């Protein structure tokens, strides 16, 4: 009954559809956009797989039904006007039929070229844009294409320096609390901790997405229980 009540609040268009957007639960990346009717939403909730309504075929279709690159939906959100929805989930593989991670890989100024460059930058959030920059620096070191040395290059080559900086920045972050240095100082020091920690992740071939997945899995248990389970 609760699902029926939720569906009754949606403002369907004249064809009985709403815009349905699939978003990566960990990275925040917008994966794709389609349309959904009430049956598509019900199928999504029941199966846990992102399901849409094909306007050209007039039938339901599940993302991944031919490629096996399903989008495993963890939650469904309605917008404030109740005329669009978000499938928040975890993709099994590339979402776009071109093989790209997301269907959104063409910057607006490049759209006039009418090309599909799936290697172009994706619309990344701040942390993931930083991660991409760090990984680019790592690639430069590995293939010997460094034209201008950077601090990131230096940290990656000197692991002792990297670890000492992480410890130093973490200590400075704690001092902002102990010395009551204020919000701006705390935010600045946290930015330093994040950056240096992300360089270490890149050195270890660990993606930020891997870290976020672990954090998400911990949401359902207390911190005390989680720590006890590690022993």
Protein backbone atom coordinates (compact mmCIF):
# COMPACT_ATOMS: atom_id res chain seq x y z
CA UNK A 1 0.00 0.00 0.00
CA UNK A 2 2.84 2.43 0.77
CA UNK A 3 4.26 1.99 -2.74
CA UNK A 4 0.83 2.64 -4.28
CA UNK A 5 0.48 5.77 -2.18
CA UNK A 6 3.93 6.94 -3.31
CA UNK A 7 3.06 6.34 -6.97
CA UNK A 8 -0.17 8.32 -6.55
CA UNK A 9 1.84 11.43 -5.62
CA UNK A 10 3.84 11.42 -8.86
CA UNK A 11 2.90 13.96 -11.53
CA UNK A 12 2.92 11.79 -14.64
CA UNK A 13 3.06 13.44 -18.06
CA UNK A 14 0.24 12.94 -20.58
CA UNK A 15 1.77 9.58 -21.53
CA UNK A 16 1.94 8.43 -17.92
CA UNK A 17 5.71 8.84 -17.70
CA UNK A 18 8.30 10.68 -15.60
CA UNK A 19 11.98 11.33 -16.20
CA UNK A 20 14.10 8.66 -14.48
CA UNK A 21 17.76 9.38 -13.74
CA UNK A 22 20.24 6.71 -12.64
CA UNK A 23 22.96 7.97 -10.29
CA UNK A 24 25.99 6.14 -8.86
CA UNK A 25 25.47 5.69 -5.12
CA UNK A 26 29.16 6.11 -4.25
CA UNK A 27 30.60 8.56 -6.77
CA UNK A 28 27.49 10.65 -7.33
CA UNK A 29 28.01 10.36 -11.10
CA UNK A 30 24.90 10.72 -13.24
CA UNK A 31 24.92 7.48 -15.22
CA UNK A 32 21.99 7.77 -17.60
CA UNK A 33 18.51 9.20 -18.09
CA UNK A 34 15.38 7.51 -19.33
CA UNK A 35 11.65 7.43 -18.64
CA UNK A 36 9.58 5.35 -16.28
CA UNK A 37 5.92 4.59 -15.78
CA UNK A 38 4.36 3.10 -12.65
CA UNK A 39 5.13 -0.47 -13.77
CA UNK A 40 8.80 0.39 -14.37
CA UNK A 41 9.12 1.87 -10.90
CA UNK A 42 7.36 -1.12 -9.33
CA UNK A 43 9.68 -3.49 -11.23
CA UNK A 44 12.71 -1.52 -10.07
CA UNK A 45 11.65 -1.69 -6.43
CA UNK A 46 10.79 -5.39 -6.66
CA UNK A 47 13.89 -6.54 -8.56
CA UNK A 48 16.48 -4.02 -7.38
CA UNK A 49 17.46 -3.46 -11.03
CA UNK A 50 16.97 -0.09 -12.75
CA UNK A 51 13.98 -0.52 -15.06
CA UNK A 52 12.67 2.01 -17.56
CA UNK A 53 9.88 2.39 -20.13
CA UNK A 54 10.92 2.45 -23.77
CA UNK A 55 8.89 5.03 -25.65
CA UNK A 56 9.96 3.63 -29.03
CA UNK A 57 9.02 0.01 -28.17
CA UNK A 58 6.20 0.86 -25.74
CA UNK A 59 7.52 -1.69 -23.26
CA UNK A 60 9.54 -2.03 -20.09
CA UNK A 61 13.28 -2.63 -20.28
CA UNK A 62 15.85 -3.29 -17.60
CA UNK A 63 19.26 -1.70 -17.94
CA UNK A 64 21.70 -4.58 -18.43
CA UNK A 65 19.23 -7.12 -19.77
CA UNK A 66 21.43 -7.63 -22.85
CA UNK A 67 24.85 -6.44 -21.64
CA UNK A 68 24.60 -7.73 -18.03
CA UNK A 69 25.73 -4.26 -16.92
CA UNK A 70 22.85 -3.88 -14.50
CA UNK A 71 22.36 -0.91 -12.22
CA UNK A 72 21.62 -2.30 -8.75
CA UNK A 73 19.23 0.19 -7.19
CA UNK A 74 19.62 0.82 -3.47
CA UNK A 75 17.10 3.65 -3.13
CA UNK A 76 14.61 5.70 -5.14
CA UNK A 77 14.13 9.46 -4.70
CA UNK A 78 11.42 11.81 -5.93
CA UNK A 79 12.09 15.46 -6.66
CA UNK A 80 10.18 18.25 -4.92
CA UNK A 81 7.72 18.68 -7.81
CA UNK A 82 7.13 14.92 -8.04
CA UNK A 83 7.76 14.92 -11.80
CA UNK A 84 11.12 13.11 -11.90
CA UNK A 85 12.86 10.34 -10.01
CA UNK A 86 16.38 9.16 -9.24
CA UNK A 87 17.48 5.54 -9.14
CA UNK A 88 20.40 5.61 -6.72
CA UNK A 89 22.45 2.51 -7.30
CA UNK A 90 25.64 0.63 -8.05
CA UNK A 91 26.42 -0.30 -11.68
CA UNK A 92 27.86 -3.71 -12.53
CA UNK A 93 29.87 -2.23 -15.41
CA UNK A 94 29.86 0.57 -17.99
CA UNK A 95 26.44 2.18 -18.25
CA UNK A 96 26.61 3.66 -21.76
CA UNK A 97 26.13 1.47 -24.83
CA UNK A 98 29.40 2.96 -26.13
CA UNK A 99 31.28 1.30 -23.29
CA UNK A 100 31.73 4.53 -21.33
CA UNK A 101 31.17 4.61 -17.58
CA UNK A 102 28.37 7.14 -17.97
CA UNK A 103 26.31 8.40 -20.89
CA UNK A 104 27.42 11.95 -20.04
CA UNK A 105 30.90 12.30 -21.53
CA UNK A 106 30.42 15.12 -24.05
CA UNK A 107 31.12 18.65 -22.86
CA UNK A 108 28.61 21.19 -24.18
CA UNK A 109 31.20 23.18 -26.24
CA UNK A 110 32.26 19.93 -27.95
CA UNK A 111 28.73 18.86 -28.87
CA UNK A 112 28.90 20.69 -32.20
CA UNK A 113 31.60 18.26 -33.35
CA UNK A 114 29.01 15.47 -33.18
CA UNK A 115 31.63 12.97 -32.05
CA UNK A 116 31.53 10.33 -29.33
CA UNK A 117 34.85 10.52 -27.54
CA UNK A 118 34.33 8.08 -24.69
CA UNK A 119 37.81 8.88 -23.35
CA UNK A 120 36.84 12.47 -22.61
CA UNK A 121 36.47 13.70 -19.06
CA UNK A 122 33.27 12.82 -17.24
CA UNK A 123 31.26 15.31 -15.15
CA UNK A 124 33.12 14.53 -11.95
CA UNK A 125 32.43 15.84 -8.47
CA UNK A 126 35.27 17.71 -6.76
CA UNK A 127 36.87 14.74 -5.00
CA UNK A 128 36.74 12.53 -8.07
CA UNK A 129 38.12 15.31 -10.26
CA UNK A 130 41.03 15.55 -7.81
CA UNK A 131 41.45 11.77 -7.92
CA UNK A 132 41.61 11.88 -11.74
CA UNK A 133 44.30 14.58 -11.58
CA UNK A 134 46.34 12.53 -9.10
CA UNK A 135 46.06 9.40 -11.26
CA UNK A 136 47.16 11.42 -14.29
CA UNK A 137 50.27 12.44 -12.36
CA UNK A 138 50.89 8.78 -11.55
CA UNK A 139 50.55 7.81 -15.22
CA UNK A 140 53.09 10.50 -16.15
CA UNK A 141 55.60 8.98 -13.73
CA UNK A 142 55.01 5.48 -15.03
CA UNK A 143 55.38 6.30 -18.72
CA UNK A 144 58.15 8.87 -18.24
CA UNK A 145 56.14 11.73 -19.72
CA UNK A 146 56.67 14.18 -16.83
CA UNK A 147 57.30 17.57 -18.42
CA UNK A 148 57.05 19.66 -15.28
CA UNK A 149 57.62 18.07 -11.84
CA UNK A 150 54.84 18.60 -9.31
CA UNK A 151 54.39 18.14 -5.57
CA UNK A 152 52.23 15.10 -6.32
CA UNK A 153 55.09 13.57 -8.35
CA UNK A 154 57.48 14.18 -5.46
CA UNK A 155 55.16 12.56 -2.93
CA UNK A 156 54.64 9.52 -5.13
CA UNK A 157 58.36 8.97 -5.51
CA UNK A 158 59.14 9.45 -1.81
CA UNK A 159 56.86 7.27 0.31
CA UNK A 160 58.56 8.32 3.54
CA UNK A 161 57.83 11.97 2.74
CA UNK A 162 54.24 11.11 1.84
CA UNK A 163 53.56 9.30 5.09
CA UNK A 164 55.22 12.04 7.14
CA UNK A 165 53.00 14.66 5.44
CA UNK A 166 49.83 12.67 6.17
CA UNK A 167 50.81 12.41 9.85
CA UNK A 168 51.72 16.11 9.92
CA UNK A 169 48.47 17.24 8.31
CA UNK A 170 46.38 14.95 10.54
CA UNK A 171 48.05 16.44 13.61
CA UNK A 172 47.39 19.98 12.35
CA UNK A 173 43.75 19.06 11.79
CA UNK A 174 43.45 17.91 15.40
CA UNK A 175 45.11 21.11 16.60
CA UNK A 176 42.32 23.16 15.00
CA UNK A 177 39.98 21.54 17.53
CA UNK A 178 42.36 21.59 20.49
CA UNK A 179 43.24 25.25 19.92
CA UNK A 180 39.79 26.31 18.75
CA UNK A 181 41.16 27.71 15.49
CA UNK A 182 37.77 28.02 13.81
CA UNK A 183 35.86 26.56 10.87
CA UNK A 184 37.96 28.04 8.06
CA UNK A 185 41.20 26.68 9.49
CA UNK A 186 39.60 23.28 10.09
CA UNK A 187 38.32 23.11 6.51
CA UNK A 188 41.75 24.08 5.16
CA UNK A 189 43.58 21.44 7.20
CA UNK A 190 41.01 18.80 6.26
CA UNK A 191 41.60 19.62 2.59
CA UNK A 192 45.31 18.95 3.13
CA UNK A 193 44.56 15.63 4.85
CA UNK A 194 42.26 14.56 2.03
CA UNK A 195 44.71 15.47 -0.71
CA UNK A 196 47.72 13.73 0.81
CA UNK A 197 45.65 10.68 1.76
CA UNK A 198 44.34 10.42 -1.80
CA UNK A 199 47.90 10.46 -3.13
CA UNK A 200 48.63 7.47 -0.87
CA UNK A 201 45.51 5.71 -2.20
CA UNK A 202 46.74 6.23 -5.76
CA UNK A 203 50.16 4.83 -4.86
CA UNK A 204 48.42 1.76 -3.44
CA UNK A 205 46.08 1.46 -6.47
CA UNK A 206 43.06 2.02 -4.26
CA UNK A 207 40.18 4.03 -5.68
CA UNK A 208 38.15 6.49 -3.66
CA UNK A 209 35.12 4.53 -4.80
CA UNK A 210 36.49 1.48 -2.93
CA UNK A 211 36.69 3.51 0.27
CA UNK A 212 33.18 4.91 -0.13
CA UNK A 213 31.78 1.43 -0.71
CA UNK A 214 33.23 0.28 2.62
CA UNK A 215 31.80 3.34 4.37
CA UNK A 216 28.36 2.72 2.85
CA UNK A 217 28.38 -0.88 4.09
CA UNK A 218 29.10 0.38 7.61
CA UNK A 219 26.01 2.59 7.71
CA UNK A 220 23.86 -0.24 9.07
CA UNK A 221 26.06 -1.07 12.07
CA UNK A 222 27.41 0.89 14.97
CA UNK A 223 31.02 2.00 14.98
CA UNK A 224 31.68 0.01 18.13
CA UNK A 225 30.35 -3.19 16.52
CA UNK A 226 32.31 -2.55 13.34
CA UNK A 227 35.59 -2.06 15.18
CA UNK A 228 35.00 -5.20 17.24
CA UNK A 229 34.43 -7.22 14.06
CA UNK A 230 37.92 -6.33 12.81
CA UNK A 231 39.68 -8.19 15.65
